[in-house]
Amino acid sequence: MSKISIYLNFEGNTEEAFNYYKSVFNTEFSVPIMRMKDVPAGPGMPKLSEKELNSVMHVALPILGGTLIMGTDMLESMGHKLIIGNNTTISLDTDSKEETDRLFNALSNGGSEIAPMRQEFWGYWGCCLDRFGIRWMFNYANQPVS
């Protein structure tokens, strides 16, 4: 089933922020916190420092009305720089690869393509900035093998 989430970027304090949000909303993480060291090494990935390896790669927390907030630590060694405007993204989890491509193509039209759609270890993923300056992330999860 399709769903919409809000993705938040931080400068090294994602875990602190999400523990705070967890206490505010009196809820629990929907999955254990994933660290950068948990990510399979890809070609061309820079060598991360010990601090960066322990940074948050992904965290998810349900808040109100079925809304999920997710977050990550941005790493300067990977070319990330947090500025107001790239710290919040609307994340769309879709029901099909075709729907993912349709939405990505429509929202990136006239905007800036930040990360073209591609296969990642968790599924089919991409991100763009639309022509109005809004960031969108697209996910179509890998399907379990029967």
N, C-alpha and C. Protein backbone atom coordinates (compact mmCIF):
# COMPACT_ATOMS: atom_id res chain seq x y z
N MET A 1 0.84 -1.17 0.00
CA MET A 1 0.00 0.00 0.00
C MET A 1 0.89 1.24 0.00
N SER A 2 0.55 2.21 -0.81
CA SER A 2 1.30 3.45 -0.87
C SER A 2 1.22 4.19 0.45
N LYS A 3 2.28 4.97 0.74
CA LYS A 3 2.27 5.81 1.92
C LYS A 3 3.20 6.98 1.73
N ILE A 4 2.98 8.01 2.53
CA ILE A 4 3.80 9.21 2.49
C ILE A 4 4.46 9.37 3.84
N SER A 5 5.74 9.72 3.85
CA SER A 5 6.49 9.96 5.07
C SER A 5 7.24 11.27 4.93
N ILE A 6 7.77 11.75 6.04
CA ILE A 6 8.59 12.96 6.04
C ILE A 6 10.00 12.54 6.41
N TYR A 7 10.97 12.91 5.57
CA TYR A 7 12.36 12.53 5.79
C TYR A 7 13.15 13.76 6.24
N LEU A 8 13.87 13.63 7.35
CA LEU A 8 14.61 14.74 7.94
C LEU A 8 16.11 14.46 7.91
N ASN A 9 16.89 15.47 7.54
CA ASN A 9 18.35 15.36 7.50
C ASN A 9 18.94 16.18 8.66
N PHE A 10 19.99 15.65 9.28
CA PHE A 10 20.63 16.29 10.41
C PHE A 10 22.14 16.31 10.22
N GLU A 11 22.82 17.16 11.02
CA GLU A 11 24.27 17.25 10.99
C GLU A 11 24.87 16.50 12.19
N GLY A 12 24.67 15.19 12.22
CA GLY A 12 25.30 14.39 13.24
C GLY A 12 24.51 14.21 14.53
N ASN A 13 23.31 14.77 14.61
CA ASN A 13 22.53 14.61 15.84
C ASN A 13 21.16 13.97 15.60
N THR A 14 21.08 13.13 14.57
CA THR A 14 19.82 12.44 14.27
C THR A 14 19.35 11.61 15.45
N GLU A 15 20.25 10.82 16.03
CA GLU A 15 19.84 9.94 17.13
C GLU A 15 19.30 10.75 18.31
N GLU A 16 19.97 11.84 18.65
CA GLU A 16 19.50 12.70 19.74
C GLU A 16 18.11 13.26 19.42
N ALA A 17 17.94 13.76 18.20
CA ALA A 17 16.65 14.34 17.79
C ALA A 17 15.54 13.29 17.84
N PHE A 18 15.81 12.09 17.32
CA PHE A 18 14.76 11.07 17.26
C PHE A 18 14.45 10.49 18.65
N ASN A 19 15.42 10.44 19.53
CA ASN A 19 15.11 10.03 20.91
C ASN A 19 14.22 11.07 21.57
N TYR A 20 14.45 12.33 21.27
CA TYR A 20 13.58 13.40 21.77
C TYR A 20 12.17 13.25 21.20
N TYR A 21 12.06 13.09 19.88
CA TYR A 21 10.73 12.94 19.24
C TYR A 21 10.01 11.70 19.79
N LYS A 22 10.76 10.64 20.06
CA LYS A 22 10.19 9.41 20.61
C LYS A 22 9.53 9.71 21.96
N SER A 23 10.19 10.52 22.77
CA SER A 23 9.61 10.87 24.08
C SER A 23 8.42 11.81 23.93
N VAL A 24 8.48 12.72 22.99
CA VAL A 24 7.37 13.67 22.77
C VAL A 24 6.11 12.94 22.31
N PHE A 25 6.26 12.03 21.34
CA PHE A 25 5.10 11.33 20.76
C PHE A 25 4.77 10.03 21.48
N ASN A 26 5.60 9.67 22.50
CA ASN A 26 5.35 8.46 23.29
C ASN A 26 5.16 7.24 22.40
N THR A 27 6.16 7.02 21.53
CA THR A 27 6.10 5.93 20.56
C THR A 27 7.48 5.27 20.49
N GLU A 28 7.61 4.23 19.69
CA GLU A 28 8.87 3.49 19.54
C GLU A 28 9.30 3.48 18.08
N PHE A 29 10.60 3.34 17.84
CA PHE A 29 11.11 3.24 16.47
C PHE A 29 10.45 2.05 15.78
N SER A 30 10.11 2.22 14.50
CA SER A 30 9.46 1.13 13.78
C SER A 30 10.45 0.05 13.34
N VAL A 31 11.72 0.39 13.26
CA VAL A 31 12.80 -0.56 12.99
C VAL A 31 14.01 -0.11 13.81
N PRO A 32 14.94 -1.00 14.13
CA PRO A 32 16.14 -0.56 14.86
C PRO A 32 16.91 0.49 14.06
N ILE A 33 17.60 1.39 14.75
CA ILE A 33 18.40 2.40 14.07
C ILE A 33 19.47 1.71 13.23
N MET A 34 19.56 2.10 11.95
CA MET A 34 20.59 1.57 11.05
C MET A 34 21.74 2.58 11.02
N ARG A 35 22.95 2.11 11.17
CA ARG A 35 24.15 2.95 11.18
C ARG A 35 24.85 2.88 9.82
N MET A 36 25.69 3.86 9.53
CA MET A 36 26.44 3.87 8.28
C MET A 36 27.28 2.60 8.15
N LYS A 37 27.79 2.07 9.25
CA LYS A 37 28.60 0.85 9.19
C LYS A 37 27.79 -0.37 8.79
N ASP A 38 26.45 -0.27 8.84
CA ASP A 38 25.58 -1.37 8.44
C ASP A 38 25.32 -1.40 6.93
N VAL A 39 25.73 -0.36 6.22
CA VAL A 39 25.48 -0.24 4.79
C VAL A 39 26.52 -1.04 4.01
N PRO A 40 26.09 -1.87 3.07
CA PRO A 40 27.06 -2.59 2.23
C PRO A 40 27.93 -1.58 1.46
N ALA A 41 29.23 -1.80 1.46
CA ALA A 41 30.16 -0.89 0.77
C ALA A 41 29.91 -0.94 -0.73
N GLY A 42 29.75 0.21 -1.32
CA GLY A 42 29.53 0.30 -2.76
C GLY A 42 30.76 0.82 -3.46
N PRO A 43 30.83 0.64 -4.77
CA PRO A 43 31.99 1.13 -5.52
C PRO A 43 32.09 2.66 -5.40
N GLY A 44 33.29 3.14 -5.17
CA GLY A 44 33.51 4.58 -5.10
C GLY A 44 33.13 5.23 -3.78
N MET A 45 32.65 4.43 -2.81
CA MET A 45 32.30 5.02 -1.52
C MET A 45 33.56 5.47 -0.80
N PRO A 46 33.56 6.69 -0.23
CA PRO A 46 34.74 7.14 0.50
C PRO A 46 34.90 6.35 1.80
N LYS A 47 36.13 6.29 2.30
CA LYS A 47 36.40 5.63 3.58
C LYS A 47 35.86 6.55 4.66
N LEU A 48 35.03 5.98 5.55
CA LEU A 48 34.41 6.77 6.61
C LEU A 48 35.21 6.67 7.90
N SER A 49 35.21 7.77 8.65
CA SER A 49 35.87 7.78 9.96
C SER A 49 35.03 6.94 10.93
N GLU A 50 35.60 6.62 12.09
CA GLU A 50 34.87 5.86 13.10
C GLU A 50 33.59 6.59 13.51
N LYS A 51 33.68 7.90 13.67
CA LYS A 51 32.51 8.71 14.03
C LYS A 51 31.44 8.59 12.95
N GLU A 52 31.85 8.71 11.68
CA GLU A 52 30.89 8.61 10.58
C GLU A 52 30.28 7.21 10.48
N LEU A 53 31.08 6.18 10.73
CA LEU A 53 30.56 4.81 10.68
C LEU A 53 29.46 4.59 11.70
N ASN A 54 29.51 5.32 12.82
CA ASN A 54 28.49 5.19 13.86
C ASN A 54 27.34 6.18 13.67
N SER A 55 27.42 7.01 12.64
CA SER A 55 26.33 7.95 12.35
C SER A 55 25.09 7.18 11.91
N VAL A 56 23.94 7.86 11.99
CA VAL A 56 22.67 7.24 11.63
C VAL A 56 22.50 7.25 10.12
N MET A 57 22.31 6.06 9.54
CA MET A 57 22.00 5.94 8.12
C MET A 57 20.50 6.07 7.92
N HIS A 58 19.71 5.45 8.85
CA HIS A 58 18.25 5.50 8.72
C HIS A 58 17.60 5.20 10.06
N VAL A 59 16.58 5.98 10.37
CA VAL A 59 15.74 5.74 11.54
C VAL A 59 14.31 6.10 11.16
N ALA A 60 13.33 5.40 11.72
CA ALA A 60 11.92 5.67 11.40
C ALA A 60 11.11 5.64 12.69
N LEU A 61 10.20 6.62 12.82
CA LEU A 61 9.39 6.75 14.03
C LEU A 61 7.97 7.15 13.65
N PRO A 62 6.97 6.34 14.04
CA PRO A 62 5.59 6.75 13.81
C PRO A 62 5.24 7.89 14.76
N ILE A 63 4.50 8.88 14.25
CA ILE A 63 4.08 9.98 15.12
C ILE A 63 2.56 10.00 15.21
N LEU A 64 1.87 10.86 14.47
CA LEU A 64 0.41 10.97 14.57
C LEU A 64 -0.28 10.51 13.29
N GLY A 65 -1.45 9.92 13.43
CA GLY A 65 -2.30 9.60 12.29
C GLY A 65 -1.66 8.75 11.23
N GLY A 66 -0.77 7.84 11.62
CA GLY A 66 -0.11 6.99 10.64
C GLY A 66 1.08 7.63 9.95
N THR A 67 1.40 8.87 10.30
CA THR A 67 2.54 9.56 9.70
C THR A 67 3.83 9.01 10.30
N LEU A 68 4.81 8.81 9.43
CA LEU A 68 6.10 8.30 9.83
C LEU A 68 7.13 9.39 9.54
N ILE A 69 7.97 9.71 10.55
CA ILE A 69 9.11 10.56 10.26
C ILE A 69 10.33 9.67 10.21
N MET A 70 11.23 9.97 9.28
CA MET A 70 12.46 9.20 9.11
C MET A 70 13.61 10.19 9.09
N GLY A 71 14.83 9.71 9.35
CA GLY A 71 15.94 10.63 9.37
C GLY A 71 17.28 9.97 9.10
N THR A 72 18.27 10.84 8.85
CA THR A 72 19.64 10.41 8.57
C THR A 72 20.60 11.52 8.95
N ASP A 73 21.86 11.13 9.23
CA ASP A 73 22.94 12.10 9.41
C ASP A 73 23.58 12.36 8.05
N MET A 74 23.72 13.62 7.70
CA MET A 74 24.41 13.98 6.46
C MET A 74 25.92 13.96 6.74
N LEU A 75 26.69 13.44 5.80
CA LEU A 75 28.14 13.31 5.98
C LEU A 75 28.89 14.20 4.99
N GLU A 76 29.70 15.11 5.51
CA GLU A 76 30.48 15.98 4.64
C GLU A 76 31.44 15.20 3.76
N SER A 77 31.96 14.06 4.28
CA SER A 77 32.91 13.26 3.50
C SER A 77 32.25 12.67 2.25
N MET A 78 30.91 12.62 2.25
CA MET A 78 30.19 12.11 1.08
C MET A 78 29.62 13.26 0.25
N GLY A 79 30.06 14.49 0.54
CA GLY A 79 29.64 15.65 -0.22
C GLY A 79 28.32 16.25 0.24
N HIS A 80 27.82 15.83 1.39
CA HIS A 80 26.56 16.36 1.91
C HIS A 80 26.81 17.64 2.70
N LYS A 81 25.95 18.61 2.55
CA LYS A 81 26.02 19.84 3.33
C LYS A 81 24.59 20.23 3.68
N LEU A 82 24.32 20.30 4.97
CA LEU A 82 22.98 20.65 5.43
C LEU A 82 22.77 22.15 5.32
N ILE A 83 21.71 22.52 4.62
CA ILE A 83 21.28 23.92 4.56
C ILE A 83 19.76 23.91 4.70
N ILE A 84 19.22 24.99 5.19
CA ILE A 84 17.76 25.07 5.27
C ILE A 84 17.24 24.93 3.85
N GLY A 85 16.34 23.98 3.65
CA GLY A 85 15.83 23.69 2.32
C GLY A 85 16.13 22.25 1.92
N ASN A 86 17.26 21.70 2.39
CA ASN A 86 17.53 20.30 2.07
C ASN A 86 17.43 19.43 3.32
N ASN A 87 16.86 19.99 4.38
CA ASN A 87 16.75 19.23 5.62
C ASN A 87 15.41 18.51 5.75
N THR A 88 14.47 18.76 4.84
CA THR A 88 13.16 18.12 4.87
C THR A 88 12.79 17.64 3.48
N THR A 89 12.31 16.39 3.38
CA THR A 89 11.95 15.78 2.11
C THR A 89 10.63 15.03 2.27
N ILE A 90 9.77 15.10 1.27
CA ILE A 90 8.55 14.28 1.26
C ILE A 90 8.93 12.95 0.61
N SER A 91 8.73 11.87 1.35
CA SER A 91 9.13 10.54 0.88
C SER A 91 7.89 9.76 0.47
N LEU A 92 7.89 9.25 -0.76
CA LEU A 92 6.76 8.49 -1.30
C LEU A 92 7.14 7.03 -1.46
N ASP A 93 6.46 6.14 -0.77
CA ASP A 93 6.61 4.70 -0.95
C ASP A 93 5.48 4.25 -1.85
N THR A 94 5.84 3.70 -3.00
CA THR A 94 4.84 3.41 -4.03
C THR A 94 4.53 1.92 -4.12
N ASP A 95 3.48 1.61 -4.89
CA ASP A 95 3.02 0.23 -5.05
C ASP A 95 3.64 -0.48 -6.25
N SER A 96 4.32 0.27 -7.14
CA SER A 96 4.92 -0.38 -8.31
C SER A 96 6.09 0.46 -8.82
N LYS A 97 6.98 -0.20 -9.54
CA LYS A 97 8.11 0.48 -10.15
C LYS A 97 7.61 1.48 -11.20
N GLU A 98 6.57 1.10 -11.92
CA GLU A 98 6.01 1.98 -12.96
C GLU A 98 5.46 3.27 -12.35
N GLU A 99 4.74 3.13 -11.24
CA GLU A 99 4.19 4.32 -10.56
C GLU A 99 5.33 5.18 -10.02
N THR A 100 6.37 4.56 -9.52
CA THR A 100 7.54 5.28 -9.02
C THR A 100 8.15 6.10 -10.14
N ASP A 101 8.37 5.48 -11.30
CA ASP A 101 8.95 6.19 -12.45
C ASP A 101 8.03 7.33 -12.91
N ARG A 102 6.72 7.09 -12.96
CA ARG A 102 5.78 8.12 -13.40
C ARG A 102 5.86 9.34 -12.48
N LEU A 103 5.83 9.11 -11.17
CA LEU A 103 5.88 10.22 -10.22
C LEU A 103 7.22 10.95 -10.28
N PHE A 104 8.32 10.18 -10.35
CA PHE A 104 9.65 10.80 -10.44
C PHE A 104 9.75 11.66 -11.70
N ASN A 105 9.34 11.12 -12.84
CA ASN A 105 9.44 11.86 -14.10
C ASN A 105 8.59 13.13 -14.07
N ALA A 106 7.39 13.06 -13.50
CA ALA A 106 6.51 14.22 -13.44
C ALA A 106 7.07 15.28 -12.50
N LEU A 107 7.51 14.88 -11.31
CA LEU A 107 7.96 15.86 -10.32
C LEU A 107 9.36 16.41 -10.63
N SER A 108 10.18 15.67 -11.33
CA SER A 108 11.51 16.17 -11.68
C SER A 108 11.48 17.02 -12.95
N ASN A 109 10.38 16.98 -13.72
CA ASN A 109 10.23 17.77 -14.94
C ASN A 109 10.32 19.26 -14.61
N GLY A 110 11.34 19.93 -15.14
CA GLY A 110 11.52 21.35 -14.89
C GLY A 110 12.24 21.64 -13.58
N GLY A 111 12.59 20.61 -12.86
CA GLY A 111 13.29 20.78 -11.59
C GLY A 111 14.73 20.34 -11.71
N SER A 112 15.31 20.01 -10.60
CA SER A 112 16.70 19.55 -10.56
C SER A 112 16.70 18.08 -10.17
N GLU A 113 17.32 17.28 -10.99
CA GLU A 113 17.43 15.87 -10.67
C GLU A 113 18.60 15.71 -9.71
N ILE A 114 18.32 15.28 -8.50
CA ILE A 114 19.37 15.14 -7.49
C ILE A 114 19.98 13.75 -7.55
N ALA A 115 19.13 12.73 -7.59
CA ALA A 115 19.59 11.34 -7.66
C ALA A 115 18.63 10.59 -8.57
N PRO A 116 19.06 10.21 -9.76
CA PRO A 116 18.17 9.49 -10.67
C PRO A 116 17.71 8.16 -10.07
N MET A 117 16.59 7.67 -10.52
CA MET A 117 16.06 6.39 -10.03
C MET A 117 17.08 5.30 -10.30
N ARG A 118 17.32 4.47 -9.26
CA ARG A 118 18.28 3.38 -9.39
C ARG A 118 17.98 2.31 -8.34
N GLN A 119 18.52 1.14 -8.58
CA GLN A 119 18.36 0.03 -7.65
C GLN A 119 19.37 0.18 -6.52
N GLU A 120 18.90 0.14 -5.29
CA GLU A 120 19.74 0.16 -4.10
C GLU A 120 19.52 -1.15 -3.34
N PHE A 121 20.26 -1.37 -2.26
CA PHE A 121 20.13 -2.64 -1.54
C PHE A 121 18.77 -2.83 -0.91
N TRP A 122 18.03 -1.75 -0.64
CA TRP A 122 16.70 -1.87 -0.03
C TRP A 122 15.58 -1.82 -1.05
N GLY A 123 15.88 -1.36 -2.26
CA GLY A 123 14.84 -1.26 -3.28
C GLY A 123 15.19 -0.23 -4.34
N TYR A 124 14.21 0.14 -5.11
CA TYR A 124 14.34 1.10 -6.20
C TYR A 124 14.16 2.49 -5.61
N TRP A 125 15.12 3.39 -5.81
CA TRP A 125 15.16 4.67 -5.10
C TRP A 125 15.63 5.81 -5.98
N GLY A 126 15.15 7.01 -5.70
CA GLY A 126 15.62 8.23 -6.34
C GLY A 126 15.12 9.43 -5.57
N CYS A 127 15.63 10.61 -5.96
CA CYS A 127 15.28 11.85 -5.26
C CYS A 127 15.39 13.01 -6.24
N CYS A 128 14.52 14.00 -6.10
CA CYS A 128 14.61 15.18 -6.96
C CYS A 128 14.11 16.41 -6.23
N LEU A 129 14.47 17.55 -6.76
CA LEU A 129 13.98 18.84 -6.32
C LEU A 129 13.04 19.31 -7.43
N ASP A 130 11.76 19.53 -7.10
CA ASP A 130 10.83 19.93 -8.16
C ASP A 130 11.03 21.39 -8.55
N ARG A 131 10.33 21.85 -9.54
CA ARG A 131 10.53 23.21 -10.06
C ARG A 131 10.11 24.29 -9.07
N PHE A 132 9.45 23.89 -7.98
CA PHE A 132 9.05 24.84 -6.94
C PHE A 132 9.99 24.80 -5.74
N GLY A 133 11.06 23.98 -5.83
CA GLY A 133 12.04 23.90 -4.76
C GLY A 133 11.70 22.91 -3.66
N ILE A 134 10.74 22.00 -3.90
CA ILE A 134 10.36 20.99 -2.91
C ILE A 134 11.11 19.70 -3.22
N ARG A 135 11.71 19.09 -2.16
CA ARG A 135 12.45 17.83 -2.31
C ARG A 135 11.49 16.65 -2.18
N TRP A 136 11.64 15.69 -3.10
CA TRP A 136 10.83 14.46 -3.12
C TRP A 136 11.76 13.27 -3.16
N MET A 137 11.45 12.24 -2.38
CA MET A 137 12.18 10.98 -2.40
C MET A 137 11.21 9.89 -2.81
N PHE A 138 11.68 8.93 -3.59
CA PHE A 138 10.84 7.86 -4.13
C PHE A 138 11.42 6.51 -3.74
N ASN A 139 10.57 5.62 -3.26
CA ASN A 139 11.00 4.28 -2.85
C ASN A 139 9.99 3.24 -3.34
N TYR A 140 10.50 2.21 -3.95
CA TYR A 140 9.70 1.03 -4.24
C TYR A 140 10.51 -0.13 -3.66
N ALA A 141 10.02 -0.69 -2.56
CA ALA A 141 10.76 -1.71 -1.82
C ALA A 141 10.96 -2.99 -2.62
N ASN A 142 12.11 -3.61 -2.37
CA ASN A 142 12.35 -4.94 -2.95
C ASN A 142 11.25 -5.87 -2.48
N GLN A 143 10.79 -6.70 -3.38
CA GLN A 143 9.75 -7.66 -3.05
C GLN A 143 10.37 -8.94 -2.51
N PRO A 144 9.79 -9.51 -1.45
CA PRO A 144 10.35 -10.75 -0.91
C PRO A 144 10.32 -11.87 -1.96
N VAL A 145 11.36 -12.68 -1.94
CA VAL A 145 11.44 -13.81 -2.87
C VAL A 145 10.64 -14.96 -2.29
N SER A 146 9.74 -15.55 -3.10
CA SER A 146 8.90 -16.65 -2.63
C SER A 146 9.58 -17.97 -2.82
